Amino acid sequence: MPSLSLFNRRDPWWESDGPAARRARRRRGAMNAAAFAAALVAVGASALAWSIQLGVAGAIGIHAALPLG
């Protein structure tokens, strides 16, 4: 019976796959995690830039200026 849990997931073919397939799966997972982390950093940086541009950052004590027009 398949589990619908997001945690404790397991690939039933993990043991029968060869070392190259396992390495590729690990690499793909690492690349997915790195891409997700980069996306989170980009969203955070853009939120900070917008808060500086709109003056919200100055109101909460972050005194910075963007070198934009």
Protein backbone atom coordinates (compact mmCIF):
# COMPACT_ATOMS: atom_id res chain seq x y z
CA MET A 1 0.00 0.00 0.00
CA PRO A 2 1.60 3.32 -1.01
CA SER A 3 2.17 5.90 1.64
CA LEU A 4 0.98 9.46 1.03
CA SER A 5 3.37 10.89 3.60
CA LEU A 6 5.87 13.49 2.43
CA PHE A 7 8.32 12.19 4.99
CA ASN A 8 9.72 8.71 5.11
CA ARG A 9 9.41 8.27 1.35
CA ARG A 10 11.45 5.46 -0.14
CA ASP A 11 12.12 4.38 -3.70
CA PRO A 12 11.31 0.65 -3.98
CA TRP A 13 13.84 0.23 -6.83
CA TRP A 14 16.76 1.89 -4.98
CA GLU A 15 18.56 -1.37 -4.25
CA SER A 16 18.09 -2.81 -7.74
CA ASP A 17 19.36 0.33 -9.49
CA GLY A 18 23.04 0.45 -10.26
CA PRO A 19 25.55 2.83 -8.68
CA ALA A 20 25.38 5.19 -11.66
CA ALA A 21 21.59 5.54 -11.32
CA ARG A 22 21.89 6.19 -7.58
CA ARG A 23 24.63 8.77 -8.17
CA ALA A 24 22.51 10.48 -10.82
CA ARG A 25 19.52 10.55 -8.48
CA ARG A 26 21.60 12.07 -5.68
CA ARG A 27 23.08 14.63 -8.06
CA ARG A 28 19.62 15.55 -9.36
CA GLY A 29 18.38 15.98 -5.79
CA ALA A 30 21.37 18.18 -4.92
CA MET A 31 20.80 20.32 -8.02
CA ASN A 32 17.11 20.67 -7.14
CA ALA A 33 18.00 21.76 -3.61
CA ALA A 34 20.58 24.26 -4.90
CA ALA A 35 18.10 25.72 -7.39
CA PHE A 36 15.46 26.07 -4.68
CA ALA A 37 17.96 27.78 -2.35
CA ALA A 38 19.00 30.18 -5.12
CA ALA A 39 15.36 31.01 -5.79
CA LEU A 40 14.77 31.72 -2.09
CA VAL A 41 17.83 33.99 -1.98
CA ALA A 42 16.60 35.84 -5.08
CA VAL A 43 13.15 36.36 -3.58
CA GLY A 44 14.68 37.59 -0.33
CA ALA A 45 17.05 39.97 -2.10
CA SER A 46 14.27 41.42 -4.23
CA ALA A 47 12.06 41.85 -1.17
CA LEU A 48 14.90 43.70 0.58
CA ALA A 49 15.50 45.90 -2.47
CA TRP A 50 11.81 46.77 -2.71
CA SER A 51 11.61 47.53 1.00
CA ILE A 52 14.59 49.89 0.65
CA GLN A 53 13.09 51.53 -2.45
CA LEU A 54 9.71 52.03 -0.79
CA GLY A 55 11.18 53.30 2.48
CA VAL A 56 9.91 50.44 4.61
CA ALA A 57 13.46 49.34 5.48
CA GLY A 58 14.32 52.80 6.82
CA ALA A 59 11.26 52.74 9.02
CA ILE A 60 12.41 49.54 10.72
CA GLY A 61 16.03 50.63 11.12
CA ILE A 62 17.80 49.38 7.99
CA HIS A 63 19.49 52.49 6.61
CA ALA A 64 20.63 51.74 3.09
CA ALA A 65 20.32 53.27 -0.33
CA LEU A 66 20.14 51.64 -3.72
CA PRO A 67 22.39 53.04 -6.45
CA LEU A 68 19.43 53.37 -8.79
CA GLY A 69 17.96 56.53 -10.35
